[in-house]
Protein backbone atom coordinates (compact mmCIF):
# COMPACT_ATOMS: atom_id res chain seq x y z
CA MET A 1 40.99 -5.85 -3.61
CA SER A 2 38.31 -5.16 -1.03
CA MET A 3 34.62 -4.77 -1.94
CA GLN A 4 33.24 -1.57 -0.48
CA SER A 5 29.74 -0.25 -0.94
CA PRO A 6 29.31 3.23 -2.39
CA VAL A 7 28.99 6.04 0.13
CA ASN A 8 25.55 7.06 -1.15
CA ALA A 9 24.07 3.54 -1.18
CA ILE A 10 20.78 3.19 0.67
CA SER A 11 20.77 0.48 3.30
CA MET A 12 17.23 -0.80 3.84
CA PRO A 13 16.50 -2.06 7.34
CA ARG A 14 15.06 -5.53 7.86
CA ILE A 15 11.59 -5.14 9.33
CA GLU A 16 10.08 -8.34 10.66
CA GLY A 17 6.56 -8.93 9.34
CA ALA A 18 6.67 -5.91 7.06
CA GLY A 19 7.17 -7.96 3.91
CA ILE A 20 3.45 -7.88 3.21
CA VAL A 21 2.96 -4.15 3.87
CA GLN A 22 1.61 -2.41 0.80
CA VAL A 23 1.67 1.32 0.12
CA LEU A 24 -0.89 3.32 -1.83
CA VAL A 25 0.86 5.67 -4.26
CA LEU A 26 -1.00 8.88 -5.10
CA ASN A 27 -0.30 11.26 -7.94
CA SER A 28 0.51 14.85 -6.98
CA SER A 29 -3.22 15.49 -7.57
CA TYR A 30 -4.06 12.87 -4.86
CA GLU A 31 -5.44 10.43 -7.46
CA PRO A 32 -4.57 6.77 -6.72
CA LEU A 33 -1.88 5.62 -9.16
CA ASN A 34 -0.46 2.38 -7.89
CA ILE A 35 0.01 0.01 -4.99
CA THR A 36 3.66 -0.73 -4.27
CA THR A 37 5.88 -2.29 -1.63
CA TRP A 38 7.06 -0.43 1.44
CA ARG A 39 10.65 -0.73 0.17
CA ARG A 40 9.89 1.00 -3.15
CA ALA A 41 7.86 3.68 -1.34
CA THR A 42 10.74 4.31 1.05
CA VAL A 43 13.20 4.68 -1.84
CA LEU A 44 10.87 7.21 -3.53
CA MET A 45 10.71 9.19 -0.28
CA LEU A 46 14.48 9.08 0.30
CA LYS A 47 15.09 10.32 -3.24
CA GLY A 48 12.71 13.21 -2.61
CA LYS A 49 10.25 12.04 -5.25
CA ALA A 50 7.42 11.39 -2.78
CA GLU A 51 6.16 12.38 0.64
CA SER A 52 4.48 10.22 3.27
CA LEU A 53 0.84 11.01 4.04
CA GLU A 54 -0.09 8.02 6.23
CA GLU A 55 2.08 5.73 8.32
CA ASP A 56 1.78 2.43 10.15
CA PRO A 57 2.56 3.04 13.83
CA THR A 58 3.49 -0.63 14.39
CA TYR A 59 6.57 -0.53 12.15
CA LYS A 60 9.56 1.82 12.34
CA LEU A 61 12.13 2.25 9.60
CA ARG A 62 14.35 4.21 11.96
CA HIS A 63 13.83 5.67 15.42
CA ASP A 64 12.26 8.79 13.87
CA THR A 65 10.58 7.33 10.77
CA LEU A 66 7.48 5.14 10.58
CA LEU A 67 6.67 2.79 7.71
CA PRO A 68 4.51 4.61 5.10
CA THR A 69 1.12 3.24 4.01
CA VAL A 70 0.18 6.16 1.72
CA ILE A 71 2.62 8.32 -0.22
CA ARG A 72 2.09 11.19 -2.67
CA LEU A 73 4.37 11.88 -5.62
CA ARG A 74 5.77 15.42 -5.72
CA HIS A 75 5.39 15.70 -9.53
CA PHE A 76 2.33 14.87 -11.63
CA VAL A 77 2.51 11.68 -13.71
CA ARG A 78 0.19 11.38 -16.71
CA VAL A 79 -1.38 7.90 -16.88
CA PRO A 80 -3.52 6.68 -19.80
CA TYR A 81 -7.09 5.72 -18.92
CA ARG A 82 -7.81 1.98 -18.84
CA GLU A 83 -11.38 0.81 -18.50
CA LEU A 84 -12.15 -1.91 -15.96
CA PRO A 85 -13.58 -4.96 -17.76
CA LEU A 86 -17.10 -6.07 -16.90
CA THR A 87 -16.49 -9.58 -15.57
CA ARG A 88 -18.27 -11.78 -13.04
CA LYS A 89 -15.30 -11.53 -10.68
CA ASN A 90 -15.21 -7.70 -10.89
CA ILE A 91 -18.97 -7.38 -10.33
CA ILE A 92 -18.87 -9.60 -7.24
CA GLN A 93 -15.82 -7.71 -5.98
CA ARG A 94 -17.53 -4.33 -6.55
CA ASP A 95 -20.50 -5.58 -4.49
CA ASN A 96 -18.22 -6.79 -1.66
CA ASN A 97 -19.06 -10.47 -2.19
CA CYS A 98 -22.58 -9.71 -0.96
CA CYS A 99 -26.10 -10.28 -2.34
CA GLN A 100 -27.50 -6.85 -3.15
CA TYR A 101 -31.06 -8.00 -2.35
CA CYS A 102 -30.89 -9.84 0.99
CA GLY A 103 -27.37 -8.93 2.15
CA SER A 104 -26.06 -12.49 2.51
CA ILE A 105 -22.29 -12.70 2.23
CA GLY A 106 -20.35 -15.30 0.31
CA GLY A 107 -21.96 -18.59 -0.56
CA LYS A 108 -23.16 -19.28 -4.09
CA LEU A 109 -23.48 -15.91 -5.76
CA SER A 110 -24.72 -15.17 -9.25
CA ILE A 111 -24.98 -12.14 -11.47
CA ASP A 112 -28.44 -10.63 -11.87
CA HIS A 113 -29.59 -8.13 -14.47
CA VAL A 114 -31.59 -5.39 -12.74
CA LEU A 115 -33.62 -4.95 -15.93
CA PRO A 116 -33.68 -8.54 -17.29
CA ARG A 117 -32.06 -9.13 -20.67
CA SER A 118 -35.31 -10.61 -21.98
CA ARG A 119 -36.90 -7.20 -21.38
CA GLY A 120 -34.18 -5.16 -23.05
CA GLY A 121 -31.63 -5.00 -20.22
CA SER A 122 -28.00 -4.78 -21.27
CA ASP A 123 -24.68 -6.07 -20.00
CA GLU A 124 -23.31 -2.89 -18.42
CA TRP A 125 -22.08 -1.90 -14.96
CA SER A 126 -25.28 0.00 -14.09
CA ASN A 127 -27.54 -2.97 -14.93
CA VAL A 128 -25.78 -5.93 -13.28
CA THR A 129 -25.56 -6.77 -9.62
CA THR A 130 -24.61 -9.62 -7.33
CA ALA A 131 -27.40 -11.89 -6.09
CA CYS A 132 -27.51 -15.10 -4.11
CA LEU A 133 -29.18 -17.98 -5.97
CA PRO A 134 -32.43 -17.92 -3.92
CA CYS A 135 -32.90 -14.15 -4.48
CA ASN A 136 -32.09 -14.49 -8.18
CA LEU A 137 -34.71 -17.23 -8.53
CA VAL A 138 -37.37 -15.25 -6.61
CA LYS A 139 -36.71 -12.09 -8.63
CA GLY A 140 -36.81 -14.05 -11.87
CA ASN A 141 -37.80 -12.03 -14.94
CA GLN A 142 -38.93 -8.97 -12.96
CA THR A 143 -37.40 -5.65 -11.99
CA PRO A 144 -36.51 -5.20 -8.30
CA GLN A 145 -39.58 -2.94 -7.88
CA GLU A 146 -41.94 -5.50 -9.45
CA ALA A 147 -40.51 -8.27 -7.25
CA GLY A 148 -40.63 -6.10 -4.11
CA MET A 149 -36.89 -6.59 -3.65
CA PRO A 150 -35.12 -3.24 -3.31
CA LEU A 151 -31.39 -3.17 -3.97
CA LYS A 152 -29.04 -2.55 -1.03
CA ARG A 153 -26.86 -0.43 -3.32
CA ILE A 154 -27.51 0.89 -6.82
CA PRO A 155 -25.08 -0.70 -9.32
CA PHE A 156 -22.35 1.66 -10.54
CA LYS A 157 -19.32 1.63 -12.79
CA PRO A 158 -16.08 1.76 -10.76
CA LEU A 159 -14.14 4.95 -11.50
CA SER A 160 -10.78 3.40 -12.33
CA ASN A 161 -8.74 0.22 -12.12
CA MET A 162 -6.59 1.69 -9.37
CA SER A 163 -9.51 2.89 -7.25
CA PHE A 164 -11.04 -0.56 -7.68
CA GLU A 165 -7.85 -2.31 -6.51
CA ALA A 166 -7.48 0.06 -3.57
CA SER A 167 -11.13 -0.52 -2.62
CA LYS A 168 -10.42 -4.26 -2.52
CA GLN A 169 -7.67 -3.66 0.06
CA ILE A 170 -9.87 -1.30 2.12
CA ASN A 171 -12.74 -3.80 2.12
CA SER A 172 -10.39 -6.50 3.38
CA GLY A 173 -9.97 -4.37 6.53
CA ARG A 174 -6.21 -3.98 6.18
CA TYR A 175 -5.85 -0.41 4.95
CA LYS A 176 -8.78 1.64 6.29
CA GLU A 177 -6.66 4.82 6.08
CA TRP A 178 -6.71 4.52 2.27
CA SER A 179 -10.47 5.21 2.16
CA LYS A 180 -10.09 8.99 2.30
CA TYR A 181 -7.96 8.90 -0.87
CA VAL A 182 -10.18 6.60 -2.97
CA ILE A 183 -13.13 8.36 -4.62
CA GLY A 184 -16.29 6.30 -4.80
CA TRP A 185 -15.28 3.91 -2.03
CA GLY A 186 -17.95 2.74 0.35
């Protein structure tokens, strides 16, 4: 008995170096839904469930098809809203690993309350920001205006988990083409 593959089976090509390629999946409304692998994105396209919006010119699936980096589903998928937790890691990530007072990148970063807690400031996205230790010490128990230390960017609550994850990839420099599909990026 010989083992034959079904006639309609999809044979995925082996693409050297493409194992790490990620694809942004958009809802039919262009809202970011998910980040998936290029293989899963290709299957969705071949089944007619998605269309390619952006492609990576360095990788070809076939002679006439480039590897997708952004796809859009043809039918709307309802997704329940999930709030992004306010954590140290998420605040630093939102602020691009950068002190929002002096602009220094990396190093020892802390979380600063724009309106200090001792003066009624709360733990919420719009009142916390990333600060290097020297800036946090200089600012102390003052507001940025009182300390003469204007913020580089006003703190904000990220719109969604998915937009936040996509922003992380854009900020890494790998998927700049995603920026036009992620609201609130930049």
